């Protein structure tokens, strides 16, 4: 069982767009863009209630130019995992070794679940050198040989190894259907959302890199956010059930700022919550493994969800406000999520994010559940 402490629960009733109005101030949006431009940013898009509020490209970047979203790719596979569970292809809490039989004789790896590969608590080594290094290996299958260096659930180890193991499980399960994991992703998520991936980073065997392989424009990335803010729906089609989508935003005790391939802000404002610069933390050698108390930004809404990629590629979502913000950046060490978000939300109209003041139910019915309490209905 996973602690429900920072579990983001979705309501079955969706937000009524007709009740929405501008909740971010124009001044704050402008100041956030100025901060971005001064700190390695090169594009910013703001959408509220399905309406474009702001769009600007700068620092030599032009609209329509695909960018590498790096680890933003992971979030697509997090959603794909809950779709696969919904279809009966897998169970998030089944052991990887049921499919990757090579693990059955290993005392640690034989106990790892699919869920733990997607929230990075499996205990597997990162796999950076083995998977991102130059070689002619099949990098998806290469992850099978990674060692479990920690007990499951006792550490948060971020790296490509876990993602590749998940895709190896998918590949073996999909073999009888004659589908690759890329084809399954396209069929179940990308095509229904109308998302065009400009290109994929691949290994020498043609395997798309699930941890950091996608190139796309900000306009395409927004479509993932729209589906999430709408509780798994696109138009009249339910891509994934709302109650299943919520699994993507269930955090762990060891890292209350991370769910299934998404970063979350459910710990905001809690005693001991500490803002962390995620990109900076992920460049420390050795990588930190204990993220207890972590929060993205104490000044941002607690239902903030982030799909995050290197060099400040960001998809920020606040479902209770039907807000989507895309940020594109470039290499450097100046941009800070908590600084940017504090500026963006300064002076925001918070009345609609307070359940007792709303006339319609938000998509996120309850954001923070203390340990030991039942999950919301």
Protein backbone atom coordinates (compact mmCIF):
# COMPACT_ATOMS: atom_id res chain seq x y z
CA UNK A 1 0.00 0.00 0.00
CA UNK A 2 1.17 3.52 -0.75
CA UNK A 3 0.56 6.40 1.69
CA UNK A 4 -2.32 8.65 0.68
CA UNK A 5 -0.63 11.68 2.23
CA UNK A 6 -0.24 13.61 -0.98
CA UNK A 7 -2.78 11.79 -3.11
CA UNK A 8 -4.49 14.05 -5.63
CA UNK A 9 -8.09 12.84 -6.04
CA UNK A 10 -10.20 13.64 -9.07
CA UNK A 11 -13.89 14.40 -8.82
CA UNK A 12 -16.21 12.73 -11.31
CA UNK A 13 -17.82 16.12 -12.01
CA UNK A 14 -15.86 18.28 -14.43
CA UNK A 15 -15.27 21.98 -14.18
CA UNK A 16 -17.83 24.11 -15.97
CA UNK A 17 -15.98 26.38 -18.43
CA UNK A 18 -18.82 28.90 -18.35
CA UNK A 19 -18.02 29.71 -14.72
CA UNK A 20 -14.39 30.52 -15.44
CA UNK A 21 -12.88 33.95 -15.70
CA UNK A 22 -9.35 35.31 -15.75
CA UNK A 23 -7.74 34.18 -12.51
CA UNK A 24 -4.12 35.12 -13.17
CA UNK A 25 -3.52 38.84 -13.35
CA UNK A 26 -2.15 40.22 -16.61
CA UNK A 27 0.55 41.98 -14.60
CA UNK A 28 1.72 38.72 -13.01
CA UNK A 29 1.78 36.95 -16.39
CA UNK A 30 3.88 39.76 -17.85
CA UNK A 31 6.28 39.71 -14.90
CA UNK A 32 6.61 35.92 -15.10
CA UNK A 33 7.50 36.20 -18.79
CA UNK A 34 10.07 38.87 -17.99
CA UNK A 35 11.58 36.59 -15.35
CA UNK A 36 11.66 33.76 -17.91
CA UNK A 37 13.36 35.86 -20.56
CA UNK A 38 15.98 37.00 -18.06
CA UNK A 39 16.61 33.45 -16.82
CA UNK A 40 17.20 31.19 -19.84
CA UNK A 41 13.59 31.08 -21.04
CA UNK A 42 12.56 31.21 -24.68
CA UNK A 43 8.77 30.75 -24.80
CA UNK A 44 5.72 30.98 -22.57
CA UNK A 45 2.08 30.10 -23.28
CA UNK A 46 -0.81 30.61 -20.85
CA UNK A 47 -4.25 29.06 -21.36
CA UNK A 48 -7.16 29.50 -18.93
CA UNK A 49 -10.57 27.90 -19.28
CA UNK A 50 -9.68 26.70 -22.76
CA UNK A 51 -8.86 30.24 -23.91
CA UNK A 52 -5.43 31.52 -24.88
CA UNK A 53 -4.39 34.30 -22.50
CA UNK A 54 -0.77 34.81 -23.45
CA UNK A 55 1.76 33.54 -25.98
CA UNK A 56 5.25 34.84 -26.59
CA UNK A 57 8.45 33.51 -28.17
CA UNK A 58 11.88 35.05 -27.57
CA UNK A 59 15.62 34.46 -27.19
CA UNK A 60 15.90 33.35 -30.81
CA UNK A 61 13.07 30.79 -30.66
CA UNK A 62 10.13 30.91 -33.09
CA UNK A 63 6.55 29.65 -32.85
CA UNK A 64 6.05 26.23 -34.38
CA UNK A 65 9.65 25.12 -33.88
CA UNK A 66 9.70 21.65 -32.22
CA UNK A 67 11.80 21.37 -29.09
CA UNK A 68 13.15 18.41 -27.18
CA UNK A 69 10.95 18.14 -24.07
CA UNK A 70 13.35 15.63 -22.49
CA UNK A 71 11.80 14.09 -19.35
CA UNK A 72 8.43 15.62 -20.19
CA UNK A 73 8.23 12.42 -22.27
CA UNK A 74 7.90 10.36 -19.08
CA UNK A 75 4.48 11.85 -18.29
CA UNK A 76 2.98 10.39 -21.46
CA UNK A 77 4.03 6.93 -20.33
CA UNK A 78 2.58 7.53 -16.88
CA UNK A 79 -0.82 8.16 -18.47
CA UNK A 80 -0.31 5.22 -20.83
CA UNK A 81 0.29 2.95 -17.82
CA UNK A 82 -3.11 3.75 -16.28
CA UNK A 83 -4.77 3.27 -19.66
CA UNK A 84 -3.09 -0.15 -19.93
CA UNK A 85 -4.36 -1.03 -16.45
CA UNK A 86 -7.86 0.11 -17.39
CA UNK A 87 -7.77 -2.18 -20.43
CA UNK A 88 -6.58 -5.15 -18.38
CA UNK A 89 -3.19 -5.32 -20.10
CA UNK A 90 -1.42 -4.96 -16.76
CA UNK A 91 -1.95 -4.15 -13.09
CA UNK A 92 0.17 -1.37 -11.61
CA UNK A 93 0.70 -3.45 -8.48
CA UNK A 94 1.72 -6.65 -10.23
CA UNK A 95 5.34 -7.68 -9.98
CA UNK A 96 7.58 -6.94 -12.94
CA UNK A 97 9.00 -10.46 -12.59
CA UNK A 98 5.69 -11.94 -13.71
CA UNK A 99 6.61 -10.66 -17.18
CA UNK A 100 10.37 -10.18 -16.96
CA UNK A 101 11.01 -13.72 -15.77
CA UNK A 102 14.78 -13.14 -15.56
CA UNK A 103 14.09 -11.26 -12.32
CA UNK A 104 12.35 -14.13 -10.53
CA UNK A 105 15.53 -15.47 -8.92
CA UNK A 106 16.72 -12.08 -7.62
CA UNK A 107 15.55 -11.47 -4.02
CA UNK A 108 15.12 -7.72 -4.54
CA UNK A 109 14.13 -7.41 -8.18
CA UNK A 110 11.58 -10.21 -7.93
CA UNK A 111 9.48 -8.05 -5.58
CA UNK A 112 9.46 -4.81 -7.64
CA UNK A 113 6.05 -3.75 -8.95
CA UNK A 114 5.20 -1.88 -12.14
CA UNK A 115 4.01 1.06 -10.04
CA UNK A 116 7.42 1.30 -8.39
CA UNK A 117 9.18 1.59 -11.74
CA UNK A 118 6.93 4.55 -12.61
CA UNK A 119 7.31 6.43 -9.33
CA UNK A 120 11.05 5.59 -9.12
CA UNK A 121 10.88 3.82 -5.77
CA UNK A 122 11.89 0.39 -7.14
CA UNK A 123 15.44 0.64 -5.78
CA UNK A 124 16.96 0.10 -9.25
CA UNK A 125 20.16 1.91 -10.09
CA UNK A 126 19.68 4.92 -12.37
CA UNK A 127 20.90 3.34 -15.61
CA UNK A 128 22.24 6.67 -16.93
CA UNK A 129 25.55 5.24 -18.14
CA UNK A 130 24.10 1.99 -19.48
CA UNK A 131 21.16 3.56 -21.31
CA UNK A 132 22.40 6.99 -22.35
CA UNK A 133 25.95 5.84 -23.09
CA UNK A 134 27.10 5.17 -26.63
CA UNK A 135 26.63 1.52 -27.55
CA UNK A 136 24.78 -0.60 -30.10
CA UNK A 137 22.70 -2.42 -27.48
CA UNK A 138 18.93 -2.63 -27.34
CA UNK A 139 18.63 -0.09 -24.53
CA UNK A 140 15.12 -1.17 -23.51
CA UNK A 141 16.21 -4.75 -22.87
CA UNK A 142 19.51 -3.53 -21.40
CA UNK A 143 17.61 -2.26 -18.36
CA UNK A 144 16.76 -5.85 -17.39
CA UNK A 145 20.35 -6.28 -16.22
CA UNK A 146 20.39 -3.26 -13.90
CA UNK A 147 20.93 -3.99 -10.22
CA UNK A 148 18.51 -3.18 -7.41
CA UNK A 149 20.78 -1.21 -5.10
CA UNK A 150 18.13 -0.30 -2.50
CA UNK A 151 15.09 -1.94 -0.95
CA UNK A 152 11.88 -1.05 -2.78
CA UNK A 153 10.04 1.99 -1.40
CA UNK A 154 13.02 3.18 0.64
CA UNK A 155 14.51 5.58 -1.90
CA UNK A 156 13.64 7.77 -4.88
CA UNK A 157 16.15 7.00 -7.63
CA UNK A 158 15.55 9.09 -10.74
CA UNK A 159 16.88 7.84 -14.05
CA UNK A 160 16.06 6.10 -17.34
CA UNK A 161 16.39 2.55 -16.01
CA UNK A 162 12.92 2.40 -14.50
CA UNK A 163 11.25 3.79 -17.62
CA UNK A 164 13.02 1.28 -19.84
CA UNK A 165 11.96 -1.59 -17.59
CA UNK A 166 8.35 -0.43 -17.81
CA UNK A 167 8.59 -0.37 -21.61
CA UNK A 168 10.19 -3.82 -21.63
CA UNK A 169 7.16 -5.07 -19.69
CA UNK A 170 4.88 -3.34 -22.20
CA UNK A 171 6.83 -4.75 -25.12
CA UNK A 172 6.50 -8.32 -23.88
CA UNK A 173 2.81 -7.96 -23.02
CA UNK A 174 2.04 -6.34 -26.38
CA UNK A 175 3.91 -8.93 -28.43
CA UNK A 176 0.83 -11.12 -28.83
CA UNK A 177 -1.09 -8.09 -30.10
CA UNK A 178 1.60 -7.36 -32.67
CA UNK A 179 2.15 -3.84 -31.31
CA UNK A 180 5.26 -2.01 -30.18
CA UNK A 181 5.08 0.25 -27.13
CA UNK A 182 5.41 3.28 -29.43
CA UNK A 183 2.45 2.06 -31.54
CA UNK A 184 0.43 1.45 -28.37
CA UNK A 185 1.23 4.95 -27.11
CA UNK A 186 0.18 6.44 -30.43
CA UNK A 187 -3.01 4.39 -30.67
CA UNK A 188 -4.21 4.94 -27.11
CA UNK A 189 -3.02 8.46 -26.33
CA UNK A 190 -1.27 10.51 -29.00
CA UNK A 191 -3.75 10.05 -31.84
CA UNK A 192 -6.86 10.45 -29.64
CA UNK A 193 -5.38 13.69 -28.28
CA UNK A 194 -4.35 14.86 -31.76
CA UNK A 195 -0.73 15.23 -30.65
CA UNK A 196 1.96 15.28 -33.30
CA UNK A 197 5.40 14.20 -32.11
CA UNK A 198 7.84 15.90 -34.48
CA UNK A 199 10.49 13.24 -33.92
CA UNK A 200 11.80 10.75 -31.39
CA UNK A 201 15.23 10.23 -29.97
CA UNK A 202 15.94 6.51 -30.53
CA UNK A 203 18.60 3.94 -29.68
CA UNK A 204 20.51 2.11 -32.39
CA UNK A 205 17.75 -0.53 -32.55
CA UNK A 206 15.11 2.07 -33.34
CA UNK A 207 13.57 2.00 -29.86
CA UNK A 208 12.11 5.40 -28.92
CA UNK A 209 13.59 6.63 -25.63
CA UNK A 210 10.69 6.63 -23.11
CA UNK A 211 12.56 8.65 -20.51
CA UNK A 212 13.45 11.63 -22.69
CA UNK A 213 12.76 11.04 -26.37
CA UNK A 214 10.02 13.40 -27.58
CA UNK A 215 10.30 16.54 -29.69
CA UNK A 216 7.17 18.66 -30.04
CA UNK A 217 5.87 22.22 -29.97
CA UNK A 218 4.27 23.85 -26.96
CA UNK A 219 0.92 23.87 -28.78
CA UNK A 220 1.06 20.07 -28.99
CA UNK A 221 2.12 19.63 -25.35
CA UNK A 222 -0.86 21.70 -24.20
CA UNK A 223 -3.19 18.97 -25.50
CA UNK A 224 -1.98 16.59 -22.80
CA UNK A 225 -2.77 19.24 -20.21
CA UNK A 226 -6.26 19.79 -21.61
CA UNK A 227 -7.05 16.10 -21.28
CA UNK A 228 -5.84 16.02 -17.67
CA UNK A 229 -7.70 19.20 -16.68
CA UNK A 230 -10.84 17.66 -18.20
CA UNK A 231 -10.53 14.54 -16.07
CA UNK A 232 -9.34 12.27 -18.89
CA UNK A 233 -11.79 13.52 -21.50
CA UNK A 234 -11.16 14.98 -24.96
CA UNK A 235 -14.32 16.46 -26.44
CA UNK A 236 -17.00 13.81 -25.95
CA UNK A 237 -14.51 10.94 -25.69
CA UNK A 238 -13.23 9.62 -22.36
CA UNK A 239 -9.61 8.68 -23.06
CA UNK A 240 -9.07 7.36 -19.55
CA UNK A 241 -11.48 7.21 -16.62
CA UNK A 242 -11.09 10.03 -14.14
CA UNK A 243 -10.71 7.65 -11.20
CA UNK A 244 -7.88 5.85 -13.00
CA UNK A 245 -6.12 9.02 -14.13
CA UNK A 246 -5.79 10.05 -10.48
CA UNK A 247 -3.17 7.30 -10.07
CA UNK A 248 -0.71 9.51 -11.94
CA UNK A 249 -0.79 12.05 -9.12
CA UNK A 250 -0.47 9.77 -6.10
CA UNK A 251 2.80 10.66 -4.41
CA UNK A 252 4.97 8.53 -2.10
CA UNK A 253 6.32 9.06 1.39
CA UNK A 254 9.91 9.14 0.17
CA UNK A 255 9.02 11.83 -2.41
CA UNK A 256 5.74 13.69 -1.82
CA UNK A 257 6.49 15.80 -4.92
CA UNK A 258 6.33 12.94 -7.45
CA UNK A 259 3.57 10.61 -8.65
CA UNK A 260 3.60 8.34 -11.70
CA UNK A 261 5.91 10.30 -13.99
CA UNK A 262 4.45 13.69 -12.92
CA UNK A 263 5.71 16.15 -10.32
CA UNK A 264 3.01 17.31 -7.88
CA UNK A 265 2.63 20.10 -5.31
CA UNK A 266 0.35 18.45 -2.75
CA UNK A 267 2.82 19.08 0.06
CA UNK A 268 2.64 22.88 -0.39
CA UNK A 269 2.12 24.78 2.83
CA UNK A 270 2.52 21.73 5.04
CA UNK A 271 4.77 21.85 8.13
CA UNK A 272 8.34 21.19 7.09
CA UNK A 273 7.63 21.51 3.36
CA UNK A 274 10.79 22.66 1.61
CA UNK A 275 10.96 24.10 -1.86
CA UNK A 276 13.50 22.29 -4.02
CA UNK A 277 15.01 23.25 -7.34
CA UNK A 278 14.35 19.97 -9.10
CA UNK A 279 16.79 20.33 -11.99
CA UNK A 280 19.57 21.36 -9.64
CA UNK A 281 18.85 18.46 -7.29
CA UNK A 282 18.93 16.02 -10.20
CA UNK A 283 22.43 17.16 -11.14
CA UNK A 284 23.94 16.42 -7.74
CA UNK A 285 26.41 13.54 -7.71
CA UNK A 286 25.47 11.23 -6.13
CA UNK A 287 21.77 11.87 -6.69
CA UNK A 288 19.70 12.53 -3.56
CA UNK A 289 17.48 9.55 -2.72
CA UNK A 290 15.45 10.96 0.18
CA UNK A 291 13.01 13.68 -0.94
CA UNK A 292 10.76 13.69 2.12
CA UNK A 293 9.26 17.14 2.68
CA UNK A 294 9.87 18.22 -0.93
CA UNK A 295 7.50 20.70 -2.56
CA UNK A 296 7.64 22.50 -5.91
CA UNK A 297 6.38 25.88 -4.72
CA UNK A 298 4.70 26.83 -1.45
CA UNK A 299 3.06 29.85 -3.10
CA UNK A 300 1.44 27.86 -5.92
CA UNK A 301 -1.88 25.96 -5.65
CA UNK A 302 -1.63 22.56 -4.03
CA UNK A 303 -3.19 20.90 -7.08
CA UNK A 304 -0.35 22.11 -9.30
CA UNK A 305 0.89 19.28 -11.54
CA UNK A 306 4.08 19.52 -13.59
CA UNK A 307 5.41 17.55 -16.54
CA UNK A 308 9.07 18.51 -16.33
CA UNK A 309 11.96 18.24 -18.76
CA UNK A 310 15.57 19.36 -18.66
CA UNK A 311 16.57 22.88 -19.68
CA UNK A 312 13.36 24.24 -18.17
CA UNK A 313 10.84 22.53 -20.43
CA UNK A 314 7.65 22.66 -18.38
CA UNK A 315 3.96 21.87 -18.67
CA UNK A 316 2.32 23.39 -15.56
CA UNK A 317 -1.30 22.41 -14.84
CA UNK A 318 -3.77 23.60 -12.20
CA UNK A 319 -6.98 21.64 -12.82
CA UNK A 320 -9.02 23.56 -10.22
CA UNK A 321 -8.35 26.73 -12.21
CA UNK A 322 -8.42 25.02 -15.63
CA UNK A 323 -5.00 26.56 -16.12
CA UNK A 324 -2.21 25.38 -18.43
CA UNK A 325 1.18 27.08 -18.73
CA UNK A 326 3.90 25.92 -21.12
CA UNK A 327 7.42 27.14 -20.55
CA UNK A 328 10.37 26.45 -22.85
CA UNK A 329 13.93 27.17 -21.80
CA UNK A 330 17.51 26.62 -22.80
CA UNK A 331 20.58 25.30 -20.96
CA UNK A 332 21.69 27.22 -17.89
CA UNK A 333 21.21 27.29 -14.14
CA UNK A 334 19.27 30.47 -13.52
CA UNK A 335 15.57 29.59 -13.86
CA UNK A 336 13.87 28.42 -10.65
CA UNK A 337 10.38 26.91 -10.66
CA UNK A 338 9.50 28.31 -7.24
CA UNK A 339 10.58 31.84 -8.22
CA UNK A 340 8.72 31.73 -11.54
CA UNK A 341 5.55 30.30 -9.97
CA UNK A 342 5.53 32.75 -7.07
CA UNK A 343 5.60 35.60 -9.59
CA UNK A 344 2.96 33.97 -11.80
CA UNK A 345 0.48 33.40 -8.96
CA UNK A 346 1.03 36.73 -7.20
CA UNK A 347 -2.32 38.49 -7.05
CA UNK A 348 -4.16 35.52 -8.59
CA UNK A 349 -7.88 35.22 -7.88
CA UNK A 350 -7.94 32.26 -5.47
CA UNK A 351 -11.68 32.35 -4.77
CA UNK A 352 -12.50 29.59 -7.25
CA UNK A 353 -9.86 27.25 -5.81
CA UNK A 354 -11.47 27.34 -2.37
CA UNK A 355 -14.14 24.57 -2.28
CA UNK A 356 -16.36 26.36 0.23
CA UNK A 357 -16.58 29.42 -2.06
CA UNK A 358 -17.30 27.58 -5.29
CA UNK A 359 -20.65 27.01 -6.91
CA UNK A 360 -19.32 24.09 -8.97
CA UNK A 361 -17.10 21.24 -7.86
CA UNK A 362 -13.46 21.37 -8.97
CA UNK A 363 -11.90 18.48 -10.83
CA UNK A 364 -9.60 17.92 -7.87
CA UNK A 365 -12.06 17.27 -5.06
CA UNK A 366 -9.51 16.85 -2.29
CA UNK A 367 -5.82 17.50 -2.52
CA UNK A 368 -4.15 16.48 0.71
CA UNK A 369 -5.01 13.46 2.83
CA UNK A 370 -3.10 13.00 6.11
CA UNK A 371 -1.58 9.56 6.81
CA UNK A 372 -4.00 6.99 8.10
CA UNK A 373 -7.11 8.57 6.64
CA UNK A 374 -9.17 6.86 3.98
CA UNK A 375 -8.98 8.01 0.39
CA UNK A 376 -11.91 10.15 -0.74
CA UNK A 377 -14.83 8.49 -2.44
